[in-house]
Each structure stands twice: as C-alpha cells, then as structure tokens.
Amino acid sequence: MYGFLLRPDTLPRAYISWIDQAGQIPVKGVAMNRDLVREGSFKISDIDSLLENPVCALQLVTVRNSVLISFSG
C-alpha cells in the first residue's frame, strides 16, 4: 500500500486502477494522505470535494468525533 498511497509512479497503472476499484477509495482522500505525509498539510479544496460525497462526509464526521472523544478523556 505504500506504493499506492505515496509512490504511485512506481506501480503499473492497471494495478493502481484495480486498487481504486476494489477499495472504492476517493481520489481526493488519497491525495490528502499523500500531501499530509509529504508536506504536513493538505488542500482545503480536497476536503471540500470529499464533503460533497454523502458517504465520505459521514465517514469524516465519524473520524472527527472519534478523535474528539479520544482527546477529551
């Protein structure tokens, strides 16, 4: 998964496409992960794009709530 998330240029395009389809991973989510690891930040436009998708928005809220709960105790 390292190659898929951080160095997609090292993998065959067909393999990347297979992972995309099998995992149903939002492209902007992968871009955010890559930017966070490489630069320590991400583009606000990427999260805006994810929030437009109801499934992704629900998952982001769930993650946010989990983080808030873990830091409040």
PDB file of N, CA and C in Angstrom:
ATOM      1  N   MET A   1       0.814  -1.194   0.000  1.00  0.00           N
ATOM      2  CA  MET A   1       0.000   0.000   0.000  1.00  0.00           C
ATOM      3  C   MET A   1       0.859   1.260   0.000  1.00  0.00           C
ATOM      4  N   TYR A   2       2.097   1.143   0.458  1.00  0.00           N
ATOM      5  CA  TYR A   2       2.984   2.305   0.425  1.00  0.00           C
ATOM      6  C   TYR A   2       3.074   2.856  -0.992  1.00  0.00           C
ATOM      7  N   GLY A   3       3.300   1.964  -1.945  1.00  0.00           N
ATOM      8  CA  GLY A   3       3.420   2.398  -3.328  1.00  0.00           C
ATOM      9  C   GLY A   3       2.151   3.071  -3.828  1.00  0.00           C
ATOM     10  N   PHE A   4       1.010   2.508  -3.488  1.00  0.00           N
ATOM     11  CA  PHE A   4      -0.261   3.072  -3.935  1.00  0.00           C
ATOM     12  C   PHE A   4      -0.491   4.454  -3.337  1.00  0.00           C
ATOM     13  N   LEU A   5      -0.240   4.588  -2.048  1.00  0.00           N
ATOM     14  CA  LEU A   5      -0.531   5.849  -1.376  1.00  0.00           C
ATOM     15  C   LEU A   5       0.529   6.919  -1.596  1.00  0.00           C
ATOM     16  N   LEU A   6       1.795   6.523  -1.617  1.00  0.00           N
ATOM     17  CA  LEU A   6       2.853   7.534  -1.634  1.00  0.00           C
ATOM     18  C   LEU A   6       3.713   7.559  -2.888  1.00  0.00           C
ATOM     19  N   ARG A   7       3.799   6.448  -3.597  1.00  0.00           N
ATOM     20  CA  ARG A   7       4.641   6.402  -4.798  1.00  0.00           C
ATOM     21  C   ARG A   7       3.929   5.694  -5.952  1.00  0.00           C
ATOM     22  N   PRO A   8       2.770   6.193  -6.357  1.00  0.00           N
ATOM     23  CA  PRO A   8       2.032   5.522  -7.419  1.00  0.00           C
ATOM     24  C   PRO A   8       2.805   5.463  -8.742  1.00  0.00           C
ATOM     25  N   ASP A   9       3.798   6.335  -8.891  1.00  0.00           N
ATOM     26  CA  ASP A   9       4.611   6.320 -10.106  1.00  0.00           C
ATOM     27  C   ASP A   9       5.447   5.046 -10.225  1.00  0.00           C
ATOM     28  N   THR A  10       5.567   4.279  -9.131  1.00  0.00           N
ATOM     29  CA  THR A  10       6.365   3.049  -9.156  1.00  0.00           C
ATOM     30  C   THR A  10       5.531   1.808  -9.489  1.00  0.00           C
ATOM     31  N   LEU A  11       4.220   1.978  -9.619  1.00  0.00           N
ATOM     32  CA  LEU A  11       3.328   0.840  -9.851  1.00  0.00           C
ATOM     33  C   LEU A  11       2.726   0.876 -11.245  1.00  0.00           C
ATOM     34  N   PRO A  12       2.407  -0.289 -11.788  1.00  0.00           N
ATOM     35  CA  PRO A  12       1.712  -0.320 -13.079  1.00  0.00           C
ATOM     36  C   PRO A  12       0.332   0.336 -12.963  1.00  0.00           C
ATOM     37  N   ARG A  13      -0.053   1.066 -13.964  1.00  0.00           N
ATOM     38  CA  ARG A  13      -1.340   1.771 -13.954  1.00  0.00           C
ATOM     39  C   ARG A  13      -2.502   0.796 -13.722  1.00  0.00           C
ATOM     40  N   ALA A  14      -2.429  -0.398 -14.296  1.00  0.00           N
ATOM     41  CA  ALA A  14      -3.502  -1.376 -14.134  1.00  0.00           C
ATOM     42  C   ALA A  14      -3.669  -1.772 -12.668  1.00  0.00           C
ATOM     43  N   TYR A  15      -2.567  -1.874 -11.933  1.00  0.00           N
ATOM     44  CA  TYR A  15      -2.624  -2.236 -10.515  1.00  0.00           C
ATOM     45  C   TYR A  15      -3.265  -1.114  -9.698  1.00  0.00           C
ATOM     46  N   ILE A  16      -2.903   0.112 -10.012  1.00  0.00           N
ATOM     47  CA  ILE A  16      -3.494   1.261  -9.330  1.00  0.00           C
ATOM     48  C   ILE A  16      -4.996   1.306  -9.592  1.00  0.00           C
ATOM     49  N   SER A  17      -5.386   1.071 -10.829  1.00  0.00           N
ATOM     50  CA  SER A  17      -6.813   1.057 -11.172  1.00  0.00           C
ATOM     51  C   SER A  17      -7.552  -0.042 -10.418  1.00  0.00           C
ATOM     52  N   TRP A  18      -6.919  -1.202 -10.292  1.00  0.00           N
ATOM     53  CA  TRP A  18      -7.543  -2.313  -9.569  1.00  0.00           C
ATOM     54  C   TRP A  18      -7.759  -1.952  -8.101  1.00  0.00           C
ATOM     55  N   ILE A  19      -6.761  -1.353  -7.470  1.00  0.00           N
ATOM     56  CA  ILE A  19      -6.895  -0.947  -6.069  1.00  0.00           C
ATOM     57  C   ILE A  19      -8.007   0.101  -5.943  1.00  0.00           C
ATOM     58  N   ASP A  20      -8.032   1.066  -6.851  1.00  0.00           N
ATOM     59  CA  ASP A  20      -9.078   2.097  -6.832  1.00  0.00           C
ATOM     60  C   ASP A  20     -10.467   1.472  -6.876  1.00  0.00           C
ATOM     61  N   GLN A  21     -10.657   0.530  -7.792  1.00  0.00           N
ATOM     62  CA  GLN A  21     -11.965  -0.094  -7.962  1.00  0.00           C
ATOM     63  C   GLN A  21     -12.312  -1.008  -6.789  1.00  0.00           C
ATOM     64  N   ALA A  22     -11.377  -1.798  -6.342  1.00  0.00           N
ATOM     65  CA  ALA A  22     -11.642  -2.751  -5.258  1.00  0.00           C
ATOM     66  C   ALA A  22     -11.902  -2.028  -3.936  1.00  0.00           C
ATOM     67  N   GLY A  23     -11.154  -0.985  -3.674  1.00  0.00           N
ATOM     68  CA  GLY A  23     -11.271  -0.286  -2.404  1.00  0.00           C
ATOM     69  C   GLY A  23     -12.268   0.850  -2.405  1.00  0.00           C
ATOM     70  N   GLN A  24     -12.705   1.252  -3.591  1.00  0.00           N
ATOM     71  CA  GLN A  24     -13.609   2.394  -3.728  1.00  0.00           C
ATOM     72  C   GLN A  24     -13.091   3.584  -2.918  1.00  0.00           C
ATOM     73  N   ILE A  25     -11.819   3.844  -3.080  1.00  0.00           N
ATOM     74  CA  ILE A  25     -11.148   4.901  -2.336  1.00  0.00           C
ATOM     75  C   ILE A  25     -11.286   6.214  -3.100  1.00  0.00           C
ATOM     76  N   PRO A  26     -11.775   7.265  -2.446  1.00  0.00           N
ATOM     77  CA  PRO A  26     -11.876   8.552  -3.130  1.00  0.00           C
ATOM     78  C   PRO A  26     -10.494   9.079  -3.519  1.00  0.00           C
ATOM     79  N   VAL A  27     -10.368   9.530  -4.743  1.00  0.00           N
ATOM     80  CA  VAL A  27      -9.084  10.039  -5.250  1.00  0.00           C
ATOM     81  C   VAL A  27      -8.593  11.199  -4.376  1.00  0.00           C
ATOM     82  N   LYS A  28      -9.503  12.062  -3.977  1.00  0.00           N
ATOM     83  CA  LYS A  28      -9.110  13.213  -3.145  1.00  0.00           C
ATOM     84  C   LYS A  28      -8.619  12.757  -1.769  1.00  0.00           C
ATOM     85  N   GLY A  29      -9.158  11.657  -1.274  1.00  0.00           N
ATOM     86  CA  GLY A  29      -8.688  11.117   0.005  1.00  0.00           C
ATOM     87  C   GLY A  29      -7.259  10.632  -0.085  1.00  0.00           C
ATOM     88  N   VAL A  30      -6.938   9.983  -1.186  1.00  0.00           N
ATOM     89  CA  VAL A  30      -5.561   9.522  -1.413  1.00  0.00           C
ATOM     90  C   VAL A  30      -4.637  10.728  -1.570  1.00  0.00           C
ATOM     91  N   ALA A  31      -5.099  11.743  -2.283  1.00  0.00           N
ATOM     92  CA  ALA A  31      -4.283  12.949  -2.463  1.00  0.00           C
ATOM     93  C   ALA A  31      -4.029  13.640  -1.124  1.00  0.00           C
ATOM     94  N   MET A  32      -5.066  13.691  -0.275  1.00  0.00           N
ATOM     95  CA  MET A  32      -4.889  14.296   1.045  1.00  0.00           C
ATOM     96  C   MET A  32      -3.860  13.530   1.869  1.00  0.00           C
ATOM     97  N   ASN A  33      -3.945  12.206   1.841  1.00  0.00           N
ATOM     98  CA  ASN A  33      -2.986  11.383   2.586  1.00  0.00           C
ATOM     99  C   ASN A  33      -1.562  11.648   2.094  1.00  0.00           C
ATOM    100  N   ARG A  34      -1.393  11.661   0.803  1.00  0.00           N
ATOM    101  CA  ARG A  34      -0.069  11.885   0.215  1.00  0.00           C
ATOM    102  C   ARG A  34       0.470  13.253   0.628  1.00  0.00           C
ATOM    103  N   ASP A  35      -0.380  14.286   0.529  1.00  0.00           N
ATOM    104  CA  ASP A  35       0.059  15.633   0.895  1.00  0.00           C
ATOM    105  C   ASP A  35       0.403  15.738   2.383  1.00  0.00           C
ATOM    106  N   LEU A  36      -0.404  15.092   3.222  1.00  0.00           N
ATOM    107  CA  LEU A  36      -0.130  15.132   4.663  1.00  0.00           C
ATOM    108  C   LEU A  36       1.205  14.486   5.004  1.00  0.00           C
ATOM    109  N   VAL A  37       1.503  13.359   4.372  1.00  0.00           N
ATOM    110  CA  VAL A  37       2.760  12.665   4.652  1.00  0.00           C
ATOM    111  C   VAL A  37       3.949  13.453   4.108  1.00  0.00           C
ATOM    112  N   ARG A  38       3.814  13.964   2.897  1.00  0.00           N
ATOM    113  CA  ARG A  38       4.943  14.650   2.257  1.00  0.00           C
ATOM    114  C   ARG A  38       5.153  16.067   2.764  1.00  0.00           C
ATOM    115  N   GLU A  39       4.033  16.800   2.968  1.00  0.00           N
ATOM    116  CA  GLU A  39       4.146  18.232   3.252  1.00  0.00           C
ATOM    117  C   GLU A  39       3.631  18.637   4.629  1.00  0.00           C
ATOM    118  N   GLY A  40       2.915  17.731   5.289  1.00  0.00           N
ATOM    119  CA  GLY A  40       2.367  18.057   6.597  1.00  0.00           C
ATOM    120  C   GLY A  40       1.080  18.859   6.542  1.00  0.00           C
ATOM    121  N   SER A  41       0.518  19.024   5.352  1.00  0.00           N
ATOM    122  CA  SER A  41      -0.745  19.747   5.203  1.00  0.00           C
ATOM    123  C   SER A  41      -1.477  19.196   3.972  1.00  0.00           C
ATOM    124  N   PHE A  42      -2.712  19.632   3.805  1.00  0.00           N
ATOM    125  CA  PHE A  42      -3.467  19.213   2.625  1.00  0.00           C
ATOM    126  C   PHE A  42      -4.240  20.404   2.084  1.00  0.00           C
ATOM    127  N   LYS A  43      -4.763  20.249   0.873  1.00  0.00           N
ATOM    128  CA  LYS A  43      -5.510  21.315   0.222  1.00  0.00           C
ATOM    129  C   LYS A  43      -6.950  21.309   0.735  1.00  0.00           C
ATOM    130  N   ILE A  44      -7.432  22.468   1.134  1.00  0.00           N
ATOM    131  CA  ILE A  44      -8.809  22.590   1.608  1.00  0.00           C
ATOM    132  C   ILE A  44      -9.781  22.169   0.505  1.00  0.00           C
ATOM    133  N   SER A  45      -9.435  22.412  -0.738  1.00  0.00           N
ATOM    134  CA  SER A  45     -10.323  22.023  -1.844  1.00  0.00           C
ATOM    135  C   SER A  45     -10.533  20.511  -1.888  1.00  0.00           C
ATOM    136  N   ASP A  46      -9.537  19.732  -1.444  1.00  0.00           N
ATOM    137  CA  ASP A  46      -9.690  18.274  -1.409  1.00  0.00           C
ATOM    138  C   ASP A  46     -10.740  17.858  -0.389  1.00  0.00           C
ATOM    139  N   ILE A  47     -10.718  18.476   0.783  1.00  0.00           N
ATOM    140  CA  ILE A  47     -11.710  18.104   1.792  1.00  0.00           C
ATOM    141  C   ILE A  47     -13.096  18.599   1.393  1.00  0.00           C
ATOM    142  N   ASP A  48     -13.158  19.756   0.739  1.00  0.00           N
ATOM    143  CA  ASP A  48     -14.447  20.245   0.232  1.00  0.00           C
ATOM    144  C   ASP A  48     -15.042  19.246  -0.751  1.00  0.00           C
ATOM    145  N   SER A  49     -14.189  18.704  -1.607  1.00  0.00           N
ATOM    146  CA  SER A  49     -14.637  17.710  -2.581  1.00  0.00           C
ATOM    147  C   SER A  49     -15.156  16.451  -1.898  1.00  0.00           C
ATOM    148  N   LEU A  50     -14.455  15.998  -0.860  1.00  0.00           N
ATOM    149  CA  LEU A  50     -14.897  14.819  -0.118  1.00  0.00           C
ATOM    150  C   LEU A  50     -16.222  15.066   0.599  1.00  0.00           C
ATOM    151  N   LEU A  51     -16.401  16.264   1.112  1.00  0.00           N
ATOM    152  CA  LEU A  51     -17.631  16.574   1.837  1.00  0.00           C
ATOM    153  C   LEU A  51     -18.854  16.629   0.924  1.00  0.00           C
ATOM    154  N   GLU A  52     -18.639  16.806  -0.365  1.00  0.00           N
ATOM    155  CA  GLU A  52     -19.754  16.787  -1.315  1.00  0.00           C
ATOM    156  C   GLU A  52     -20.324  15.384  -1.494  1.00  0.00           C
ATOM    157  N   ASN A  53     -19.533  14.369  -1.168  1.00  0.00           N
ATOM    158  CA  ASN A  53     -19.980  12.981  -1.265  1.00  0.00           C
ATOM    159  C   ASN A  53     -20.569  12.583   0.086  1.00  0.00           C
ATOM    160  N   PRO A  54     -21.879  12.246   0.140  1.00  0.00           N
ATOM    161  CA  PRO A  54     -22.515  11.949   1.434  1.00  0.00           C
ATOM    162  C   PRO A  54     -21.844  10.824   2.218  1.00  0.00           C
ATOM    163  N   VAL A  55     -21.375   9.788   1.548  1.00  0.00           N
ATOM    164  CA  VAL A  55     -20.726   8.670   2.238  1.00  0.00           C
ATOM    165  C   VAL A  55     -19.414   9.140   2.862  1.00  0.00           C
ATOM    166  N   CYS A  56     -18.625   9.868   2.102  1.00  0.00           N
ATOM    167  CA  CYS A  56     -17.351  10.376   2.631  1.00  0.00           C
ATOM    168  C   CYS A  56     -17.586  11.357   3.764  1.00  0.00           C
ATOM    169  N   ALA A  57     -18.595  12.209   3.627  1.00  0.00           N
ATOM    170  CA  ALA A  57     -18.885  13.192   4.669  1.00  0.00           C
ATOM    171  C   ALA A  57     -19.229  12.491   5.973  1.00  0.00           C
ATOM    172  N   LEU A  58     -20.032  11.453   5.919  1.00  0.00           N
ATOM    173  CA  LEU A  58     -20.397  10.710   7.125  1.00  0.00           C
ATOM    174  C   LEU A  58     -19.166  10.065   7.753  1.00  0.00           C
ATOM    175  N   GLN A  59     -18.290   9.499   6.930  1.00  0.00           N
ATOM    176  CA  GLN A  59     -17.074   8.879   7.448  1.00  0.00           C
ATOM    177  C   GLN A  59     -16.163   9.919   8.097  1.00  0.00           C
ATOM    178  N   LEU A  60     -16.049  11.101   7.492  1.00  0.00           N
ATOM    179  CA  LEU A  60     -15.206  12.154   8.063  1.00  0.00           C
ATOM    180  C   LEU A  60     -15.745  12.627   9.404  1.00  0.00           C
ATOM    181  N   VAL A  61     -17.056  12.768   9.514  1.00  0.00           N
ATOM    182  CA  VAL A  61     -17.655  13.178  10.782  1.00  0.00           C
ATOM    183  C   VAL A  61     -17.411  12.114  11.840  1.00  0.00           C
ATOM    184  N   THR A  62     -17.526  10.856  11.467  1.00  0.00           N
ATOM    185  CA  THR A  62     -17.284   9.764  12.411  1.00  0.00           C
ATOM    186  C   THR A  62     -15.850   9.783  12.907  1.00  0.00           C
ATOM    187  N   VAL A  63     -14.908   9.968  12.009  1.00  0.00           N
ATOM    188  CA  VAL A  63     -13.490  10.039  12.393  1.00  0.00           C
ATOM    189  C   VAL A  63     -13.253  11.248  13.294  1.00  0.00           C
ATOM    190  N   ARG A  64     -13.805  12.379  12.914  1.00  0.00           N
ATOM    191  CA  ARG A  64     -13.638  13.587  13.731  1.00  0.00           C
ATOM    192  C   ARG A  64     -14.163  13.368  15.140  1.00  0.00           C
ATOM    193  N   ASN A  65     -15.350  12.776  15.248  1.00  0.00           N
ATOM    194  CA  ASN A  65     -15.926  12.526  16.567  1.00  0.00           C
ATOM    195  C   ASN A  65     -15.071  11.565  17.381  1.00  0.00           C
ATOM    196  N   SER A  66     -14.518  10.556  16.740  1.00  0.00           N
ATOM    197  CA  SER A  66     -13.637   9.608  17.428  1.00  0.00           C
ATOM    198  C   SER A  66     -12.395  10.302  17.966  1.00  0.00           C
ATOM    199  N   VAL A  67     -11.835  11.197  17.175  1.00  0.00           N
ATOM    200  CA  VAL A  67     -10.643  11.938  17.603  1.00  0.00           C
ATOM    201  C   VAL A  67     -10.992  12.850  18.768  1.00  0.00           C
ATOM    202  N   LEU A  68     -12.123  13.546  18.682  1.00  0.00           N
ATOM    203  CA  LEU A  68     -12.528  14.435  19.761  1.00  0.00           C
ATOM    204  C   LEU A  68     -12.751  13.673  21.062  1.00  0.00           C
ATOM    205  N   ILE A  69     -13.368  12.521  20.964  1.00  0.00           N
ATOM    206  CA  ILE A  69     -13.608  11.704  22.154  1.00  0.00           C
ATOM    207  C   ILE A  69     -12.294  11.231  22.772  1.00  0.00           C
ATOM    208  N   SER A  70     -11.362  10.801  21.936  1.00  0.00           N
ATOM    209  CA  SER A  70     -10.101  10.275  22.462  1.00  0.00           C
ATOM    210  C   SER A  70      -9.258  11.380  23.114  1.00  0.00           C
ATOM    211  N   PHE A  71      -9.374  12.618  22.640  1.00  0.00           N
ATOM    212  CA  PHE A  71      -8.586  13.700  23.228  1.00  0.00           C
ATOM    213  C   PHE A  71      -9.274  14.353  24.413  1.00  0.00           C
ATOM    214  N   SER A  72     -10.573  14.117  24.572  1.00  0.00           N
ATOM    215  CA  SER A  72     -11.279  14.769  25.678  1.00  0.00           C
ATOM    216  C   SER A  72     -11.119  14.016  27.000  1.00  0.00           C
ATOM    217  N   GLY A  73     -10.658  12.771  26.927  1.00  0.00           N
ATOM    218  CA  GLY A  73     -10.569  11.968  28.147  1.00  0.00           C
ATOM    219  C   GLY A  73      -9.243  11.908  28.702  1.00  0.00           C
TER     220      GLY A  73
END
